[in-house]
Amino acid sequence: MQLATAQLLSHLAKRVAPLYVIHGDEPLLAQEAADAIRAAARSQGYTERSAYTVAGAHFDWGAVLAAGGSLSLFADKQIVEIRIPSGKPGKDGSAALQQIAEAAAGDDSTLTLVLLPRLDKATRSGAWFAALESHGVSLQVDTVERAALPQWIAQRLALQGQRVKAGEEGQRTLQFFADRVEGNLLAAHQEIQKLALLHPEGELGWEQVEAAVNNVARYDVFKLSEAVLAGNPQRVARMLDGLQAEGEAEVLVHYTLAEDIRALKRVRDAMAAGRPLPMALRENRIWGPRERAFERVLPRLDDRALARMLRAAHVVDGIVKGLKQPDWPANGWQALQRLALMLCRACGPAASAPRAR
């Protein structure tokens, strides 16, 4: 059975299942979910714990299977944890996990906790994962997206008895906080805890948050596409500065921007050939949040604008590879910012775009 992470605590208050699977790419939330399961299990008499990390093709699954049936003289219930960092248990592991899943329903002396990274659709469709979901409780731990981050911060502050001011100042404070910790949820959690150490329970002002919260943001080059297509020039400029500071490769940043431009052109050409927009998006493998962004952006882009951006992407490709171009910055990062803000202006309100450096 699938369970949302927000429902976990209410679920554990009612009962502890014999099998849990946690999968996702947000370490903080995965750790918190696992801690909650362990705490609930301990309160119900699961006093012994063993942990196994699956590494390499020759991992001994026999030891894991044996652990489920062996209890010490000092415990009548146990937790068996199986960590699979790669998300690929292999042939032997697949068979062992199916066996563990099938045995879980009839064994109330062992609680099995399987910890996995984010899984692709093909892996989630595999027999071993289907067996785990069918016989146990599955929690998918999703990343907190930038748009949801201010609310997440407010909720975490509330848990320690703190809150920002009401109204516009409070929203500005939360947005500032989110800008400082974007892409680094573990550090965000630490910064929130720091505020509990520095200030008593109650209301926090802008000055208190601004003075306390460090800039610990970490940027993902593929999130840059999201910011550009959303027409958010301030976030785009901040992300580019962060990516440069983190040593990201210029060619990868360029590829991300150029691929968005090429994809917009391909979809526009398909529409010009008579295909409906939903069909054109599917044919070009545009799904999820990116699909919604394309649906919003495409009506405001004409062929001339797309052709101009394609030419600009070609120019910047040369610059990041060391070629000089007339009327363009020689510095690769400055050229990338100009290209990014060009696309950003086309996707959102041009008036809000900052001047390219």
Protein backbone atom coordinates (compact mmCIF):
# COMPACT_ATOMS: atom_id res chain seq x y z
CA MET A 1 0.00 0.00 0.00
CA GLN A 2 1.19 3.50 -0.81
CA LEU A 3 1.21 6.12 1.93
CA ALA A 4 1.95 9.86 1.75
CA THR A 5 4.68 11.01 4.11
CA ALA A 6 2.23 13.49 5.68
CA GLN A 7 0.06 10.53 6.72
CA LEU A 8 2.87 8.52 8.32
CA LEU A 9 2.52 9.70 11.91
CA SER A 10 -1.25 9.14 12.02
CA HIS A 11 -0.72 5.69 10.48
CA LEU A 12 1.91 4.77 13.08
CA ALA A 13 -0.33 5.95 15.89
CA LYS A 14 -2.84 3.26 14.88
CA ARG A 15 -0.52 0.37 14.07
CA VAL A 16 2.95 -0.65 12.96
CA ALA A 17 3.06 -2.68 9.76
CA PRO A 18 5.55 -5.56 9.36
CA LEU A 19 7.13 -4.07 6.22
CA TYR A 20 7.99 -0.51 5.15
CA VAL A 21 9.67 0.75 1.99
CA ILE A 22 11.03 4.31 1.87
CA HIS A 23 12.24 5.57 -1.52
CA GLY A 24 13.22 9.04 -2.66
CA ASP A 25 16.09 11.47 -3.10
CA GLU A 26 15.58 13.76 -0.10
CA PRO A 27 17.87 12.43 2.68
CA LEU A 28 16.39 14.56 5.48
CA LEU A 29 12.80 13.48 4.89
CA ALA A 30 13.78 9.85 4.34
CA GLN A 31 15.75 9.87 7.59
CA GLU A 32 12.86 11.45 9.50
CA ALA A 33 10.40 8.89 8.12
CA ALA A 34 12.72 6.02 9.08
CA ASP A 35 13.25 7.51 12.57
CA ALA A 36 9.47 7.76 13.07
CA ILE A 37 9.02 4.11 12.09
CA ARG A 38 11.84 2.99 14.41
CA ALA A 39 10.44 5.00 17.33
CA ALA A 40 6.93 3.57 16.86
CA ALA A 41 8.37 0.06 16.56
CA ARG A 42 10.43 0.43 19.76
CA SER A 43 7.32 1.56 21.65
CA GLN A 44 5.68 -1.69 20.59
CA GLY A 45 8.48 -3.97 21.72
CA TYR A 46 10.81 -4.15 18.71
CA THR A 47 13.94 -3.81 20.84
CA GLU A 48 16.57 -5.46 18.62
CA ARG A 49 17.85 -3.97 15.36
CA SER A 50 20.14 -5.19 12.59
CA ALA A 51 21.11 -3.33 9.42
CA TYR A 52 22.45 -4.50 6.04
CA THR A 53 23.80 -2.37 3.20
CA VAL A 54 23.60 -3.98 -0.23
CA ALA A 55 26.86 -3.23 -2.04
CA GLY A 56 28.28 -5.15 -4.98
CA ALA A 57 27.08 -8.10 -7.00
CA HIS A 58 28.22 -10.65 -4.40
CA PHE A 59 26.20 -9.39 -1.45
CA ASP A 60 25.10 -12.23 0.86
CA TRP A 61 21.31 -12.15 0.75
CA GLY A 62 21.27 -15.39 2.72
CA ALA A 63 22.33 -13.45 5.82
CA VAL A 64 19.38 -11.07 5.40
CA LEU A 65 16.92 -13.92 4.97
CA ALA A 66 18.35 -15.67 8.02
CA ALA A 67 18.11 -12.50 10.12
CA GLY A 68 14.35 -12.43 9.74
CA GLY A 69 14.05 -15.78 11.45
CA SER A 70 16.63 -15.39 14.20
CA LEU A 71 16.02 -13.57 17.48
CA SER A 72 18.41 -13.18 20.38
CA LEU A 73 17.62 -14.52 23.85
CA PHE A 74 16.93 -10.95 25.01
CA ALA A 75 14.33 -9.84 22.46
CA ASP A 76 11.08 -11.22 21.08
CA LYS A 77 10.74 -8.59 18.32
CA GLN A 78 13.30 -7.07 15.97
CA ILE A 79 13.81 -4.51 13.20
CA VAL A 80 15.73 -5.61 10.10
CA GLU A 81 16.88 -2.73 7.88
CA ILE A 82 17.97 -3.24 4.29
CA ARG A 83 19.69 -0.31 2.58
CA ILE A 84 20.09 -0.47 -1.20
CA PRO A 85 21.93 2.76 -2.17
CA SER A 86 21.99 1.91 -5.88
CA GLY A 87 18.30 0.99 -6.03
CA LYS A 88 19.34 -2.17 -7.92
CA PRO A 89 19.18 -5.35 -5.79
CA GLY A 90 20.22 -7.63 -8.67
CA LYS A 91 18.77 -11.02 -9.58
CA ASP A 92 19.43 -12.68 -6.21
CA GLY A 93 18.24 -9.61 -4.36
CA SER A 94 15.05 -9.44 -6.39
CA ALA A 95 14.19 -13.02 -5.44
CA ALA A 96 15.14 -12.41 -1.78
CA LEU A 97 13.04 -9.25 -1.52
CA GLN A 98 10.01 -11.03 -2.97
CA GLN A 99 10.51 -13.79 -0.40
CA ILE A 100 10.84 -11.23 2.41
CA ALA A 101 7.69 -9.43 1.25
CA GLU A 102 5.62 -12.61 1.13
CA ALA A 103 6.83 -13.72 4.57
CA ALA A 104 6.14 -10.33 6.19
CA ALA A 105 2.36 -10.77 6.44
CA GLY A 106 2.64 -13.83 8.65
CA ASP A 107 5.49 -12.64 10.90
CA ASP A 108 4.74 -10.14 13.67
CA SER A 109 8.13 -10.65 15.33
CA THR A 110 10.12 -8.88 12.59
CA LEU A 111 9.64 -5.43 11.14
CA THR A 112 11.51 -5.02 7.84
CA LEU A 113 12.52 -1.54 6.69
CA VAL A 114 13.82 -1.21 3.11
CA LEU A 115 15.57 2.08 2.24
CA LEU A 116 15.99 3.03 -1.41
CA PRO A 117 16.97 6.09 -3.48
CA ARG A 118 14.63 7.66 -6.00
CA LEU A 119 13.45 4.97 -8.42
CA ASP A 120 12.59 5.33 -12.08
CA LYS A 121 9.33 4.06 -13.53
CA ALA A 122 10.87 0.83 -14.86
CA THR A 123 12.29 -0.10 -11.46
CA ARG A 124 9.00 0.65 -9.70
CA SER A 125 7.32 -1.72 -12.17
CA GLY A 126 9.70 -4.57 -11.30
CA ALA A 127 8.46 -7.72 -9.57
CA TRP A 128 10.50 -7.17 -6.39
CA PHE A 129 9.25 -3.62 -5.83
CA ALA A 130 5.67 -4.59 -6.68
CA ALA A 131 5.90 -7.36 -4.05
CA LEU A 132 7.18 -4.93 -1.42
CA GLU A 133 4.38 -2.46 -2.16
CA SER A 134 1.76 -5.18 -2.22
CA HIS A 135 2.70 -6.71 1.13
CA GLY A 136 3.93 -3.60 2.94
CA VAL A 137 3.66 0.16 3.23
CA SER A 138 5.47 2.26 0.62
CA LEU A 139 6.47 5.90 1.16
CA GLN A 140 7.79 8.01 -1.70
CA VAL A 141 9.87 10.87 -0.30
CA ASP A 142 9.68 13.73 -2.78
CA THR A 143 11.90 16.79 -2.91
CA VAL A 144 10.35 19.97 -1.54
CA GLU A 145 10.10 22.15 -4.65
CA ARG A 146 11.06 25.83 -4.51
CA ALA A 147 7.45 27.02 -4.71
CA ALA A 148 6.53 24.94 -1.63
CA LEU A 149 9.66 25.77 0.35
CA PRO A 150 8.39 28.91 2.19
CA GLN A 151 5.37 26.99 3.51
CA TRP A 152 7.61 24.08 4.53
CA ILE A 153 9.84 26.50 6.46
CA ALA A 154 6.79 28.05 8.17
CA GLN A 155 5.57 24.60 9.22
CA ARG A 156 8.98 23.68 10.63
CA LEU A 157 9.18 26.95 12.55
CA ALA A 158 5.72 26.25 13.98
CA LEU A 159 6.90 22.87 15.30
CA GLN A 160 9.42 24.71 17.50
CA GLY A 161 6.94 27.40 18.54
CA GLN A 162 8.14 30.14 16.21
CA ARG A 163 6.51 32.07 13.38
CA VAL A 164 7.22 34.98 11.06
CA LYS A 165 5.20 38.18 11.18
CA ALA A 166 1.81 38.21 9.51
CA GLY A 167 1.23 39.84 6.15
CA GLU A 168 3.66 41.01 3.51
CA GLU A 169 6.68 41.24 5.81
CA GLY A 170 6.27 37.62 6.88
CA GLN A 171 5.96 36.43 3.28
CA ARG A 172 9.05 38.42 2.35
CA THR A 173 10.92 36.83 5.26
CA LEU A 174 9.94 33.31 4.18
CA GLN A 175 10.93 34.01 0.57
CA PHE A 176 14.31 35.32 1.73
CA PHE A 177 14.78 32.22 3.88
CA ALA A 178 13.87 29.97 0.94
CA ASP A 179 16.34 31.77 -1.34
CA ARG A 180 19.11 31.13 1.20
CA VAL A 181 18.48 27.39 1.55
CA GLU A 182 17.07 26.31 -1.83
CA GLY A 183 18.22 22.86 -2.92
CA ASN A 184 19.72 22.00 0.48
CA LEU A 185 16.93 20.77 2.75
CA LEU A 186 19.23 19.31 5.38
CA ALA A 187 20.95 22.67 5.78
CA ALA A 188 17.54 24.37 5.80
CA HIS A 189 16.56 22.16 8.74
CA GLN A 190 19.76 23.13 10.56
CA GLU A 191 19.14 26.84 9.94
CA ILE A 192 15.62 26.49 11.35
CA GLN A 193 17.01 24.74 14.44
CA LYS A 194 19.56 27.54 14.80
CA LEU A 195 16.71 30.06 15.11
CA ALA A 196 15.31 28.02 18.01
CA LEU A 197 18.67 28.30 19.78
CA LEU A 198 19.05 32.02 19.11
CA HIS A 199 15.53 33.24 19.80
CA PRO A 200 12.68 32.28 22.15
CA GLU A 201 9.34 30.95 21.01
CA GLY A 202 7.08 33.50 19.37
CA GLU A 203 7.33 35.89 16.45
CA LEU A 204 10.48 36.34 14.37
CA GLY A 205 11.17 39.58 12.56
CA TRP A 206 12.93 40.08 9.22
CA GLU A 207 16.09 41.38 10.90
CA GLN A 208 16.40 38.31 13.14
CA VAL A 209 16.07 35.88 10.22
CA GLU A 210 18.32 37.92 7.93
CA ALA A 211 21.07 38.04 10.58
CA ALA A 212 20.89 34.33 11.46
CA VAL A 213 20.32 32.39 8.23
CA ASN A 214 23.43 31.59 6.20
CA ASN A 215 23.46 31.26 2.44
CA VAL A 216 23.60 27.47 2.10
CA ALA A 217 21.66 27.12 -1.16
CA ARG A 218 22.70 24.41 -3.60
CA TYR A 219 21.58 24.66 -7.20
CA ASP A 220 20.75 21.94 -9.68
CA VAL A 221 21.45 22.76 -13.31
CA PHE A 222 18.23 21.02 -14.34
CA LYS A 223 16.23 23.26 -11.99
CA LEU A 224 17.61 26.19 -13.97
CA SER A 225 15.26 25.18 -16.79
CA GLU A 226 12.30 25.45 -14.40
CA ALA A 227 13.28 28.98 -13.36
CA VAL A 228 13.89 30.14 -16.94
CA LEU A 229 10.59 28.78 -18.26
CA ALA A 230 8.78 30.34 -15.29
CA GLY A 231 10.12 33.74 -16.37
CA ASN A 232 11.78 34.37 -13.00
CA PRO A 233 14.88 36.45 -13.81
CA GLN A 234 15.96 37.06 -10.21
CA ARG A 235 16.02 33.34 -9.46
CA VAL A 236 17.76 32.63 -12.79
CA ALA A 237 20.53 35.14 -12.04
CA ARG A 238 20.94 33.76 -8.51
CA MET A 239 21.09 30.15 -9.76
CA LEU A 240 23.69 30.98 -12.41
CA ASP A 241 25.87 32.69 -9.80
CA GLY A 242 25.47 29.65 -7.54
CA LEU A 243 26.26 27.14 -10.27
CA GLN A 244 29.38 29.10 -11.22
CA ALA A 245 30.51 29.23 -7.59
CA GLU A 246 29.96 25.47 -7.24
CA GLY A 247 32.15 24.79 -10.29
CA GLU A 248 29.43 23.50 -12.59
CA ALA A 249 30.56 22.92 -16.19
CA GLU A 250 29.61 25.73 -18.55
CA VAL A 251 28.84 23.25 -21.33
CA LEU A 252 26.24 21.47 -19.18
CA VAL A 253 24.51 24.75 -18.34
CA HIS A 254 24.52 25.67 -22.02
CA TYR A 255 23.10 22.28 -22.98
CA THR A 256 20.21 22.74 -20.54
CA LEU A 257 19.31 26.17 -21.93
CA ALA A 258 19.80 25.17 -25.57
CA GLU A 259 17.71 22.02 -25.17
CA ASP A 260 14.78 24.09 -23.87
CA ILE A 261 15.04 26.39 -26.88
CA ARG A 262 15.29 23.45 -29.31
CA ALA A 263 12.33 21.71 -27.66
CA LEU A 264 10.20 24.85 -27.90
CA LYS A 265 11.09 25.11 -31.60
CA ARG A 266 10.27 21.45 -32.26
CA VAL A 267 6.87 21.72 -30.60
CA ARG A 268 6.13 25.00 -32.42
CA ASP A 269 7.04 23.35 -35.78
CA ALA A 270 4.80 20.37 -34.99
CA MET A 271 1.90 22.72 -34.24
CA ALA A 272 2.55 24.57 -37.50
CA ALA A 273 2.31 21.18 -39.27
CA GLY A 274 -1.19 20.72 -37.84
CA ARG A 275 -0.64 18.70 -34.69
CA PRO A 276 -2.59 19.70 -31.59
CA LEU A 277 -0.43 21.01 -28.74
CA PRO A 278 -0.97 17.96 -26.45
CA MET A 279 0.11 15.61 -29.25
CA ALA A 280 3.12 17.76 -30.12
CA LEU A 281 4.23 17.76 -26.48
CA ARG A 282 3.88 13.98 -26.15
CA GLU A 283 5.81 13.38 -29.37
CA ASN A 284 8.66 15.49 -28.02
CA ARG A 285 8.61 13.79 -24.61
CA ILE A 286 7.58 16.91 -22.71
CA TRP A 287 5.83 15.84 -19.49
CA GLY A 288 4.95 16.96 -15.99
CA PRO A 289 5.84 20.49 -14.82
CA ARG A 290 7.77 21.10 -18.04
CA GLU A 291 4.62 20.32 -20.05
CA ARG A 292 2.64 22.92 -18.08
CA ALA A 293 5.40 25.49 -18.61
CA PHE A 294 5.43 24.84 -22.37
CA GLU A 295 1.65 25.19 -22.53
CA ARG A 296 1.93 28.60 -20.91
CA VAL A 297 4.97 29.82 -22.84
CA LEU A 298 4.35 28.67 -26.42
CA PRO A 299 1.43 30.99 -27.20
CA ARG A 300 3.63 34.04 -26.53
CA LEU A 301 6.56 32.86 -28.71
CA ASP A 302 6.59 33.41 -32.46
CA ASP A 303 8.90 31.85 -35.04
CA ARG A 304 11.13 34.94 -35.22
CA ALA A 305 11.74 34.94 -31.48
CA LEU A 306 12.60 31.23 -31.48
CA ALA A 307 14.92 31.63 -34.47
CA ARG A 308 16.69 34.50 -32.70
CA MET A 309 17.18 32.40 -29.57
CA LEU A 310 18.44 29.43 -31.58
CA ARG A 311 21.07 31.67 -33.17
CA ALA A 312 22.02 33.00 -29.74
CA ALA A 313 22.35 29.46 -28.38
CA HIS A 314 24.66 28.62 -31.28
CA VAL A 315 26.80 31.69 -30.55
CA VAL A 316 27.06 30.85 -26.83
CA ASP A 317 28.00 27.26 -27.68
CA GLY A 318 31.10 28.67 -29.36
CA ILE A 319 31.87 31.05 -26.50
CA VAL A 320 31.84 28.34 -23.80
CA LYS A 321 34.23 26.37 -26.03
CA GLY A 322 36.67 29.27 -26.25
CA LEU A 323 35.61 31.14 -29.40
CA LYS A 324 35.15 34.91 -29.45
CA GLN A 325 31.98 36.38 -30.92
CA PRO A 326 31.29 39.98 -31.89
CA ASP A 327 28.88 41.88 -29.60
CA TRP A 328 28.90 39.06 -27.03
CA PRO A 329 30.83 38.76 -23.73
CA ALA A 330 34.03 36.75 -24.00
CA ASN A 331 33.39 35.25 -20.56
CA GLY A 332 31.37 32.04 -20.83
CA TRP A 333 29.30 32.64 -17.68
CA GLN A 334 28.38 36.15 -18.74
CA ALA A 335 27.31 34.81 -22.15
CA LEU A 336 25.25 32.08 -20.45
CA GLN A 337 23.51 34.67 -18.28
CA ARG A 338 22.68 36.76 -21.34
CA LEU A 339 21.23 33.72 -23.12
CA ALA A 340 19.30 32.63 -20.03
CA LEU A 341 17.79 36.07 -19.47
CA MET A 342 16.90 36.32 -23.17
CA LEU A 343 14.85 33.13 -22.86
CA CYS A 344 13.54 34.23 -19.46
CA ARG A 345 12.23 37.51 -20.88
CA ALA A 346 10.44 35.64 -23.64
CA CYS A 347 8.79 33.34 -21.08
CA GLY A 348 7.74 35.96 -18.54
CA PRO A 349 7.20 39.68 -17.93
CA ALA A 350 10.11 41.46 -19.62
CA ALA A 351 9.83 44.42 -17.31
CA SER A 352 11.06 42.43 -14.34
CA ALA A 353 14.22 41.11 -15.98
CA PRO A 354 17.53 42.48 -14.63
CA ARG A 355 20.22 43.71 -16.94
CA ALA A 356 22.60 40.95 -18.09
CA ARG A 357 26.14 41.37 -16.89
